[in-house]
Amino acid sequence: MNFLKTIFGSKKPVIQSISVIKYPDRIFFETYYKIVNSYSTRSKEITISEINISDFEIGKTILKHLDLSRTIKNFTKQERVENYEAYKKITGLKSIKAQMKDSVYVSISRQNNQITFYPTINGGTSGQRKGYHFLDEEKIVIEDSEDFQSIGEALKLAFEKCS
């Protein structure tokens, strides 16, 4: 068996990823696709919830979106444009400035039976610190087998670390 792994290589572990963006009045859950040998890209799978959603429902929504995340072989520029236009239509946020205003962003990935929450700092849309910046030392790792409630609580803790 090791001989075959040497010849053909071992299968890389699947990484599923989503982003969760909290605004003062709502929360967006977005599924991402991983392009083979490349980067991740936003899909059209978006859920918008009220800000007062329960931890249980947050956990359920996170797992739903992680389950929708997949690896794709190709992704065209046209598909990227279509997904971005769909995002603007679904969310009502027409510009990057509107998308970043008062937002808190957490990236979530699932790999090897673990879910990792990566908090960020919002640097706005201009200047040297523009964009979201990951706080690697603040990441939260939980087991994939956790219940919905615990997963929702982990996201809320990650949001707290974003400030």
N, C-alpha and C. Protein backbone atom coordinates (compact mmCIF):
# COMPACT_ATOMS: atom_id res chain seq x y z
N MET A 1 0.83 -1.20 0.00
CA MET A 1 0.00 0.00 0.00
C MET A 1 0.87 1.26 0.00
N ASN A 2 1.92 1.28 0.81
CA ASN A 2 2.80 2.44 0.83
C ASN A 2 3.45 2.67 -0.51
N PHE A 3 3.72 1.58 -1.24
CA PHE A 3 4.30 1.70 -2.57
C PHE A 3 3.36 2.48 -3.49
N LEU A 4 2.06 2.15 -3.43
CA LEU A 4 1.08 2.86 -4.27
C LEU A 4 0.98 4.33 -3.87
N LYS A 5 1.04 4.60 -2.58
CA LYS A 5 1.02 5.99 -2.12
C LYS A 5 2.22 6.74 -2.65
N THR A 6 3.36 6.08 -2.68
CA THR A 6 4.57 6.71 -3.18
C THR A 6 4.43 7.03 -4.66
N ILE A 7 3.86 6.11 -5.42
CA ILE A 7 3.71 6.32 -6.86
C ILE A 7 2.64 7.36 -7.17
N PHE A 8 1.48 7.19 -6.56
CA PHE A 8 0.34 8.04 -6.90
C PHE A 8 0.13 9.20 -5.93
N GLY A 9 0.86 9.21 -4.85
CA GLY A 9 0.69 10.26 -3.85
C GLY A 9 -0.49 9.96 -2.96
N SER A 10 -0.45 10.48 -1.78
CA SER A 10 -1.58 10.27 -0.88
C SER A 10 -2.63 11.32 -1.16
N LYS A 11 -3.88 10.95 -0.93
CA LYS A 11 -4.98 11.86 -1.17
C LYS A 11 -4.93 12.99 -0.15
N LYS A 12 -5.03 14.21 -0.64
CA LYS A 12 -5.01 15.36 0.26
C LYS A 12 -6.32 15.43 1.02
N PRO A 13 -6.28 15.83 2.29
CA PRO A 13 -7.52 15.93 3.06
C PRO A 13 -8.41 17.04 2.50
N VAL A 14 -9.70 16.78 2.54
CA VAL A 14 -10.67 17.75 2.06
C VAL A 14 -10.79 18.88 3.08
N ILE A 15 -10.72 20.09 2.59
CA ILE A 15 -10.92 21.26 3.44
C ILE A 15 -12.19 21.95 2.98
N GLN A 16 -13.16 22.06 3.88
CA GLN A 16 -14.39 22.77 3.57
C GLN A 16 -14.33 24.11 4.28
N SER A 17 -14.81 25.17 3.61
CA SER A 17 -14.70 26.48 4.25
C SER A 17 -15.93 27.34 3.99
N ILE A 18 -16.20 28.18 4.97
CA ILE A 18 -17.28 29.16 4.87
C ILE A 18 -16.79 30.45 5.53
N SER A 19 -17.54 31.50 5.32
CA SER A 19 -17.29 32.73 6.08
C SER A 19 -18.60 33.15 6.74
N VAL A 20 -18.46 33.78 7.88
CA VAL A 20 -19.62 34.32 8.59
C VAL A 20 -19.30 35.78 8.88
N ILE A 21 -20.20 36.65 8.42
CA ILE A 21 -20.00 38.09 8.59
C ILE A 21 -21.16 38.63 9.42
N LYS A 22 -20.81 39.25 10.52
CA LYS A 22 -21.83 39.82 11.42
C LYS A 22 -21.90 41.32 11.20
N TYR A 23 -23.11 41.81 11.00
CA TYR A 23 -23.41 43.23 10.91
C TYR A 23 -24.25 43.60 12.13
N PRO A 24 -24.47 44.87 12.39
CA PRO A 24 -25.26 45.24 13.56
C PRO A 24 -26.67 44.63 13.60
N ASP A 25 -27.25 44.34 12.42
CA ASP A 25 -28.64 43.87 12.39
C ASP A 25 -28.84 42.48 11.79
N ARG A 26 -27.78 41.81 11.32
CA ARG A 26 -27.93 40.50 10.70
C ARG A 26 -26.59 39.79 10.58
N ILE A 27 -26.67 38.51 10.25
CA ILE A 27 -25.47 37.68 10.09
C ILE A 27 -25.56 36.97 8.74
N PHE A 28 -24.46 37.00 7.98
CA PHE A 28 -24.39 36.31 6.69
C PHE A 28 -23.52 35.06 6.85
N PHE A 29 -24.00 33.95 6.32
CA PHE A 29 -23.25 32.70 6.24
C PHE A 29 -23.01 32.43 4.76
N GLU A 30 -21.75 32.31 4.35
CA GLU A 30 -21.41 32.13 2.94
C GLU A 30 -20.58 30.87 2.75
N THR A 31 -20.97 30.05 1.79
CA THR A 31 -20.21 28.85 1.44
C THR A 31 -19.13 29.21 0.44
N TYR A 32 -17.96 28.62 0.61
CA TYR A 32 -16.85 28.81 -0.33
C TYR A 32 -16.52 27.49 -1.01
N TYR A 33 -16.10 27.58 -2.27
CA TYR A 33 -15.60 26.43 -3.02
C TYR A 33 -14.09 26.54 -3.12
N LYS A 34 -13.41 25.41 -3.00
CA LYS A 34 -11.96 25.35 -3.19
C LYS A 34 -11.71 24.91 -4.62
N ILE A 35 -10.95 25.71 -5.36
CA ILE A 35 -10.59 25.37 -6.73
C ILE A 35 -9.32 24.52 -6.66
N VAL A 36 -9.31 23.38 -7.37
CA VAL A 36 -8.17 22.47 -7.36
C VAL A 36 -6.88 23.24 -7.67
N ASN A 37 -5.86 23.04 -6.82
CA ASN A 37 -4.55 23.68 -6.98
C ASN A 37 -4.62 25.20 -7.05
N SER A 38 -5.59 25.77 -6.37
CA SER A 38 -5.73 27.23 -6.43
C SER A 38 -6.34 27.73 -5.12
N TYR A 39 -7.09 28.79 -5.21
CA TYR A 39 -7.66 29.48 -4.06
C TYR A 39 -9.11 29.06 -3.84
N SER A 40 -9.75 29.63 -2.84
CA SER A 40 -11.17 29.41 -2.59
C SER A 40 -11.95 30.59 -3.16
N THR A 41 -13.18 30.33 -3.54
CA THR A 41 -14.01 31.38 -4.12
C THR A 41 -15.42 31.29 -3.56
N ARG A 42 -16.07 32.40 -3.48
CA ARG A 42 -17.43 32.50 -2.96
C ARG A 42 -18.39 31.75 -3.89
N SER A 43 -19.34 31.05 -3.30
CA SER A 43 -20.40 30.40 -4.07
C SER A 43 -21.66 31.27 -3.98
N LYS A 44 -22.75 30.77 -4.53
CA LYS A 44 -24.02 31.49 -4.43
C LYS A 44 -24.82 31.05 -3.21
N GLU A 45 -24.25 30.15 -2.41
CA GLU A 45 -24.92 29.63 -1.21
C GLU A 45 -24.74 30.60 -0.06
N ILE A 46 -25.78 31.37 0.23
CA ILE A 46 -25.73 32.40 1.28
C ILE A 46 -26.99 32.30 2.13
N THR A 47 -26.82 32.34 3.43
CA THR A 47 -27.95 32.41 4.35
C THR A 47 -27.82 33.70 5.14
N ILE A 48 -28.91 34.43 5.24
CA ILE A 48 -28.93 35.66 6.05
C ILE A 48 -29.87 35.42 7.23
N SER A 49 -29.38 35.65 8.43
CA SER A 49 -30.20 35.44 9.62
C SER A 49 -30.29 36.72 10.44
N GLU A 50 -31.25 36.74 11.32
CA GLU A 50 -31.39 37.85 12.26
C GLU A 50 -30.24 37.80 13.26
N ILE A 51 -29.92 38.92 13.84
CA ILE A 51 -28.80 39.02 14.78
C ILE A 51 -29.06 38.22 16.06
N ASN A 52 -30.32 38.02 16.41
CA ASN A 52 -30.66 37.33 17.66
C ASN A 52 -30.87 35.83 17.48
N ILE A 53 -30.34 35.25 16.43
CA ILE A 53 -30.45 33.82 16.17
C ILE A 53 -29.82 33.04 17.34
N SER A 54 -30.41 31.89 17.68
CA SER A 54 -29.90 31.10 18.81
C SER A 54 -28.58 30.41 18.45
N ASP A 55 -27.81 30.07 19.48
CA ASP A 55 -26.56 29.34 19.26
C ASP A 55 -26.83 28.02 18.54
N PHE A 56 -27.92 27.36 18.89
CA PHE A 56 -28.29 26.10 18.24
C PHE A 56 -28.47 26.30 16.74
N GLU A 57 -29.23 27.33 16.35
CA GLU A 57 -29.47 27.61 14.92
C GLU A 57 -28.20 28.05 14.21
N ILE A 58 -27.35 28.80 14.91
CA ILE A 58 -26.05 29.18 14.33
C ILE A 58 -25.24 27.93 14.00
N GLY A 59 -25.14 27.01 14.96
CA GLY A 59 -24.39 25.78 14.74
C GLY A 59 -24.95 24.96 13.59
N LYS A 60 -26.26 24.88 13.54
CA LYS A 60 -26.93 24.14 12.46
C LYS A 60 -26.63 24.77 11.10
N THR A 61 -26.66 26.09 11.03
CA THR A 61 -26.39 26.81 9.77
C THR A 61 -24.93 26.66 9.37
N ILE A 62 -24.02 26.72 10.31
CA ILE A 62 -22.60 26.53 10.01
C ILE A 62 -22.37 25.16 9.39
N LEU A 63 -22.92 24.11 10.00
CA LEU A 63 -22.72 22.76 9.47
C LEU A 63 -23.37 22.60 8.10
N LYS A 64 -24.53 23.22 7.90
CA LYS A 64 -25.18 23.18 6.59
C LYS A 64 -24.25 23.75 5.52
N HIS A 65 -23.67 24.91 5.79
CA HIS A 65 -22.80 25.55 4.80
C HIS A 65 -21.48 24.80 4.63
N LEU A 66 -20.93 24.25 5.70
CA LEU A 66 -19.72 23.43 5.55
C LEU A 66 -20.00 22.20 4.68
N ASP A 67 -21.18 21.61 4.85
CA ASP A 67 -21.56 20.46 4.02
C ASP A 67 -21.70 20.84 2.55
N LEU A 68 -22.07 22.08 2.26
CA LEU A 68 -22.21 22.55 0.88
C LEU A 68 -20.87 22.90 0.24
N SER A 69 -19.86 23.15 1.05
CA SER A 69 -18.53 23.51 0.54
C SER A 69 -17.91 22.31 -0.16
N ARG A 70 -17.30 22.55 -1.31
CA ARG A 70 -16.72 21.44 -2.07
C ARG A 70 -15.53 21.92 -2.88
N THR A 71 -14.82 20.95 -3.45
CA THR A 71 -13.70 21.26 -4.33
C THR A 71 -14.19 21.18 -5.77
N ILE A 72 -13.84 22.18 -6.56
CA ILE A 72 -14.23 22.21 -7.96
C ILE A 72 -12.98 22.26 -8.83
N LYS A 73 -13.11 21.76 -10.06
CA LYS A 73 -11.93 21.71 -10.95
C LYS A 73 -11.67 23.04 -11.62
N ASN A 74 -12.70 23.67 -12.12
CA ASN A 74 -12.52 24.92 -12.86
C ASN A 74 -13.50 25.97 -12.36
N PHE A 75 -13.11 27.20 -12.53
CA PHE A 75 -13.99 28.31 -12.16
C PHE A 75 -13.63 29.47 -13.07
N THR A 76 -14.57 29.87 -13.90
CA THR A 76 -14.27 30.90 -14.90
C THR A 76 -14.45 32.30 -14.34
N LYS A 77 -13.90 33.26 -15.04
CA LYS A 77 -14.09 34.66 -14.66
C LYS A 77 -15.57 35.01 -14.70
N GLN A 78 -16.29 34.50 -15.69
CA GLN A 78 -17.73 34.75 -15.81
C GLN A 78 -18.47 34.22 -14.58
N GLU A 79 -18.12 33.03 -14.11
CA GLU A 79 -18.76 32.47 -12.92
C GLU A 79 -18.47 33.33 -11.69
N ARG A 80 -17.25 33.83 -11.59
CA ARG A 80 -16.88 34.69 -10.47
C ARG A 80 -17.74 35.96 -10.48
N VAL A 81 -17.90 36.56 -11.66
CA VAL A 81 -18.72 37.77 -11.79
C VAL A 81 -20.17 37.46 -11.43
N GLU A 82 -20.69 36.34 -11.92
CA GLU A 82 -22.07 35.96 -11.62
C GLU A 82 -22.28 35.76 -10.12
N ASN A 83 -21.34 35.10 -9.46
CA ASN A 83 -21.46 34.88 -8.02
C ASN A 83 -21.40 36.19 -7.24
N TYR A 84 -20.54 37.10 -7.67
CA TYR A 84 -20.45 38.39 -6.98
C TYR A 84 -21.72 39.20 -7.18
N GLU A 85 -22.27 39.17 -8.38
CA GLU A 85 -23.53 39.88 -8.64
C GLU A 85 -24.67 39.27 -7.83
N ALA A 86 -24.69 37.94 -7.74
CA ALA A 86 -25.71 37.27 -6.92
C ALA A 86 -25.56 37.66 -5.45
N TYR A 87 -24.32 37.76 -4.98
CA TYR A 87 -24.05 38.16 -3.60
C TYR A 87 -24.62 39.55 -3.34
N LYS A 88 -24.35 40.48 -4.24
CA LYS A 88 -24.85 41.85 -4.06
C LYS A 88 -26.38 41.88 -4.07
N LYS A 89 -26.99 41.08 -4.93
CA LYS A 89 -28.45 41.05 -5.00
C LYS A 89 -29.06 40.44 -3.74
N ILE A 90 -28.50 39.33 -3.28
CA ILE A 90 -29.02 38.65 -2.09
C ILE A 90 -28.85 39.50 -0.84
N THR A 91 -27.68 40.11 -0.69
CA THR A 91 -27.37 40.84 0.55
C THR A 91 -27.84 42.29 0.53
N GLY A 92 -28.00 42.86 -0.67
CA GLY A 92 -28.35 44.27 -0.78
C GLY A 92 -27.16 45.20 -0.59
N LEU A 93 -25.96 44.63 -0.47
CA LEU A 93 -24.74 45.42 -0.28
C LEU A 93 -24.04 45.55 -1.63
N LYS A 94 -24.12 46.73 -2.22
CA LYS A 94 -23.68 46.92 -3.60
C LYS A 94 -22.21 47.27 -3.77
N SER A 95 -21.52 47.65 -2.71
CA SER A 95 -20.12 48.05 -2.84
C SER A 95 -19.28 47.40 -1.74
N ILE A 96 -17.98 47.36 -1.96
CA ILE A 96 -17.07 46.82 -0.94
C ILE A 96 -17.17 47.65 0.33
N LYS A 97 -17.30 48.96 0.18
CA LYS A 97 -17.41 49.84 1.35
C LYS A 97 -18.64 49.46 2.18
N ALA A 98 -19.77 49.24 1.52
CA ALA A 98 -20.99 48.84 2.22
C ALA A 98 -20.83 47.46 2.86
N GLN A 99 -20.13 46.57 2.17
CA GLN A 99 -19.93 45.22 2.69
C GLN A 99 -19.04 45.20 3.93
N MET A 100 -18.12 46.12 4.02
CA MET A 100 -17.18 46.12 5.15
C MET A 100 -17.63 47.00 6.31
N LYS A 101 -18.54 47.92 6.05
CA LYS A 101 -18.96 48.86 7.09
C LYS A 101 -19.56 48.12 8.30
N ASP A 102 -18.99 48.37 9.46
CA ASP A 102 -19.48 47.80 10.73
C ASP A 102 -19.56 46.28 10.72
N SER A 103 -18.72 45.62 9.94
CA SER A 103 -18.78 44.16 9.85
C SER A 103 -17.69 43.50 10.69
N VAL A 104 -18.02 42.30 11.14
CA VAL A 104 -17.09 41.45 11.87
C VAL A 104 -17.05 40.13 11.11
N TYR A 105 -15.85 39.68 10.74
CA TYR A 105 -15.70 38.53 9.85
C TYR A 105 -14.96 37.39 10.53
N VAL A 106 -15.53 36.19 10.41
CA VAL A 106 -14.87 34.97 10.90
C VAL A 106 -14.87 33.95 9.77
N SER A 107 -13.70 33.43 9.47
CA SER A 107 -13.57 32.35 8.49
C SER A 107 -13.61 31.03 9.26
N ILE A 108 -14.30 30.05 8.70
CA ILE A 108 -14.44 28.76 9.37
C ILE A 108 -14.04 27.66 8.39
N SER A 109 -13.23 26.72 8.85
CA SER A 109 -12.88 25.59 7.99
C SER A 109 -13.06 24.29 8.76
N ARG A 110 -13.31 23.23 7.99
CA ARG A 110 -13.43 21.89 8.58
C ARG A 110 -12.46 20.97 7.85
N GLN A 111 -11.61 20.31 8.64
CA GLN A 111 -10.62 19.39 8.08
C GLN A 111 -10.22 18.40 9.17
N ASN A 112 -10.05 17.15 8.79
CA ASN A 112 -9.59 16.12 9.73
C ASN A 112 -10.41 16.09 11.02
N ASN A 113 -11.73 16.14 10.90
CA ASN A 113 -12.65 16.05 12.03
C ASN A 113 -12.53 17.20 13.03
N GLN A 114 -12.01 18.33 12.56
CA GLN A 114 -11.94 19.53 13.41
C GLN A 114 -12.54 20.72 12.67
N ILE A 115 -13.16 21.59 13.43
CA ILE A 115 -13.67 22.85 12.89
C ILE A 115 -12.83 23.96 13.51
N THR A 116 -12.29 24.83 12.65
CA THR A 116 -11.44 25.92 13.12
C THR A 116 -12.09 27.25 12.77
N PHE A 117 -12.15 28.13 13.75
CA PHE A 117 -12.72 29.47 13.60
C PHE A 117 -11.56 30.46 13.60
N TYR A 118 -11.47 31.27 12.55
CA TYR A 118 -10.39 32.25 12.42
C TYR A 118 -10.96 33.67 12.53
N PRO A 119 -10.84 34.32 13.69
CA PRO A 119 -11.31 35.70 13.83
C PRO A 119 -10.43 36.65 13.01
N THR A 120 -10.98 37.81 12.70
CA THR A 120 -10.23 38.83 11.95
C THR A 120 -10.44 40.20 12.57
N ILE A 121 -9.62 41.14 12.12
CA ILE A 121 -9.80 42.56 12.42
C ILE A 121 -10.20 43.24 11.12
N ASN A 122 -11.21 44.09 11.18
CA ASN A 122 -11.67 44.82 10.00
C ASN A 122 -10.84 46.10 9.87
N GLY A 123 -10.05 46.17 8.80
CA GLY A 123 -9.20 47.33 8.55
C GLY A 123 -9.84 48.37 7.64
N GLY A 124 -11.12 48.20 7.31
CA GLY A 124 -11.79 49.17 6.45
C GLY A 124 -11.44 48.98 4.98
N THR A 125 -11.71 50.01 4.20
CA THR A 125 -11.54 49.90 2.74
C THR A 125 -10.43 50.78 2.18
N SER A 126 -9.69 51.45 3.04
CA SER A 126 -8.59 52.29 2.53
C SER A 126 -7.44 52.29 3.54
N GLY A 127 -6.31 52.74 3.07
CA GLY A 127 -5.14 52.82 3.95
C GLY A 127 -4.32 51.54 3.94
N GLN A 128 -3.25 51.55 4.69
CA GLN A 128 -2.33 50.41 4.72
C GLN A 128 -2.93 49.16 5.37
N ARG A 129 -3.89 49.32 6.23
CA ARG A 129 -4.49 48.18 6.95
C ARG A 129 -5.84 47.76 6.38
N LYS A 130 -6.14 48.15 5.13
CA LYS A 130 -7.46 47.84 4.59
C LYS A 130 -7.68 46.34 4.45
N GLY A 131 -8.93 45.95 4.50
CA GLY A 131 -9.30 44.54 4.40
C GLY A 131 -9.39 43.88 5.76
N TYR A 132 -9.69 42.59 5.73
CA TYR A 132 -9.75 41.81 6.96
C TYR A 132 -8.39 41.17 7.21
N HIS A 133 -7.95 41.16 8.45
CA HIS A 133 -6.65 40.60 8.81
C HIS A 133 -6.86 39.50 9.86
N PHE A 134 -6.38 38.30 9.53
CA PHE A 134 -6.57 37.16 10.41
C PHE A 134 -5.74 37.29 11.68
N LEU A 135 -6.34 36.86 12.77
CA LEU A 135 -5.70 36.83 14.08
C LEU A 135 -5.37 35.37 14.40
N ASP A 136 -4.33 34.84 13.77
CA ASP A 136 -4.00 33.42 13.88
C ASP A 136 -3.86 32.95 15.32
N GLU A 137 -3.30 33.79 16.17
CA GLU A 137 -3.10 33.40 17.57
C GLU A 137 -4.42 33.30 18.33
N GLU A 138 -5.50 33.81 17.76
CA GLU A 138 -6.81 33.80 18.42
C GLU A 138 -7.73 32.71 17.88
N LYS A 139 -7.25 31.88 16.96
CA LYS A 139 -8.13 30.87 16.36
C LYS A 139 -8.68 29.92 17.42
N ILE A 140 -9.85 29.39 17.14
CA ILE A 140 -10.54 28.47 18.05
C ILE A 140 -10.72 27.15 17.30
N VAL A 141 -10.32 26.04 17.92
CA VAL A 141 -10.45 24.73 17.29
C VAL A 141 -11.34 23.85 18.16
N ILE A 142 -12.36 23.26 17.53
CA ILE A 142 -13.25 22.33 18.24
C ILE A 142 -13.37 21.05 17.40
N GLU A 143 -13.87 20.01 18.02
CA GLU A 143 -14.09 18.75 17.30
C GLU A 143 -15.33 18.88 16.41
N ASP A 144 -15.28 18.20 15.28
CA ASP A 144 -16.40 18.20 14.33
C ASP A 144 -17.63 17.55 14.94
N SER A 145 -17.45 16.74 15.96
CA SER A 145 -18.55 16.01 16.57
C SER A 145 -19.34 16.83 17.59
N GLU A 146 -18.95 18.07 17.81
CA GLU A 146 -19.66 18.93 18.77
C GLU A 146 -21.11 19.13 18.34
N ASP A 147 -21.98 19.41 19.31
CA ASP A 147 -23.38 19.64 18.98
C ASP A 147 -23.58 21.06 18.44
N PHE A 148 -24.77 21.30 17.87
CA PHE A 148 -25.07 22.60 17.26
C PHE A 148 -24.83 23.75 18.24
N GLN A 149 -25.29 23.57 19.47
CA GLN A 149 -25.16 24.61 20.49
C GLN A 149 -23.70 25.01 20.70
N SER A 150 -22.83 24.02 20.85
CA SER A 150 -21.40 24.29 21.09
C SER A 150 -20.74 24.97 19.89
N ILE A 151 -21.14 24.58 18.70
CA ILE A 151 -20.59 25.21 17.49
C ILE A 151 -21.02 26.67 17.43
N GLY A 152 -22.28 26.94 17.74
CA GLY A 152 -22.77 28.33 17.77
C GLY A 152 -22.04 29.15 18.82
N GLU A 153 -21.80 28.57 19.98
CA GLU A 153 -21.07 29.27 21.04
C GLU A 153 -19.63 29.57 20.61
N ALA A 154 -19.01 28.65 19.87
CA ALA A 154 -17.64 28.88 19.39
C ALA A 154 -17.61 30.06 18.42
N LEU A 155 -18.62 30.18 17.56
CA LEU A 155 -18.67 31.32 16.64
C LEU A 155 -18.80 32.62 17.43
N LYS A 156 -19.68 32.65 18.42
CA LYS A 156 -19.85 33.88 19.20
C LYS A 156 -18.55 34.27 19.92
N LEU A 157 -17.81 33.28 20.41
CA LEU A 157 -16.52 33.55 21.04
C LEU A 157 -15.54 34.11 20.00
N ALA A 158 -15.56 33.57 18.80
CA ALA A 158 -14.69 34.08 17.73
C ALA A 158 -15.05 35.52 17.39
N PHE A 159 -16.35 35.84 17.34
CA PHE A 159 -16.77 37.22 17.10
C PHE A 159 -16.22 38.15 18.18
N GLU A 160 -16.25 37.72 19.43
CA GLU A 160 -15.72 38.54 20.53
C GLU A 160 -14.23 38.82 20.34
N LYS A 161 -13.50 37.87 19.80
CA LYS A 161 -12.06 38.04 19.59
C LYS A 161 -11.75 39.00 18.44
N CYS A 162 -12.76 39.32 17.64
CA CYS A 162 -12.56 40.22 16.50
C CYS A 162 -12.45 41.68 16.91
N SER A 163 -12.77 42.02 18.16
CA SER A 163 -12.73 43.43 18.54
C SER A 163 -11.44 43.83 19.20
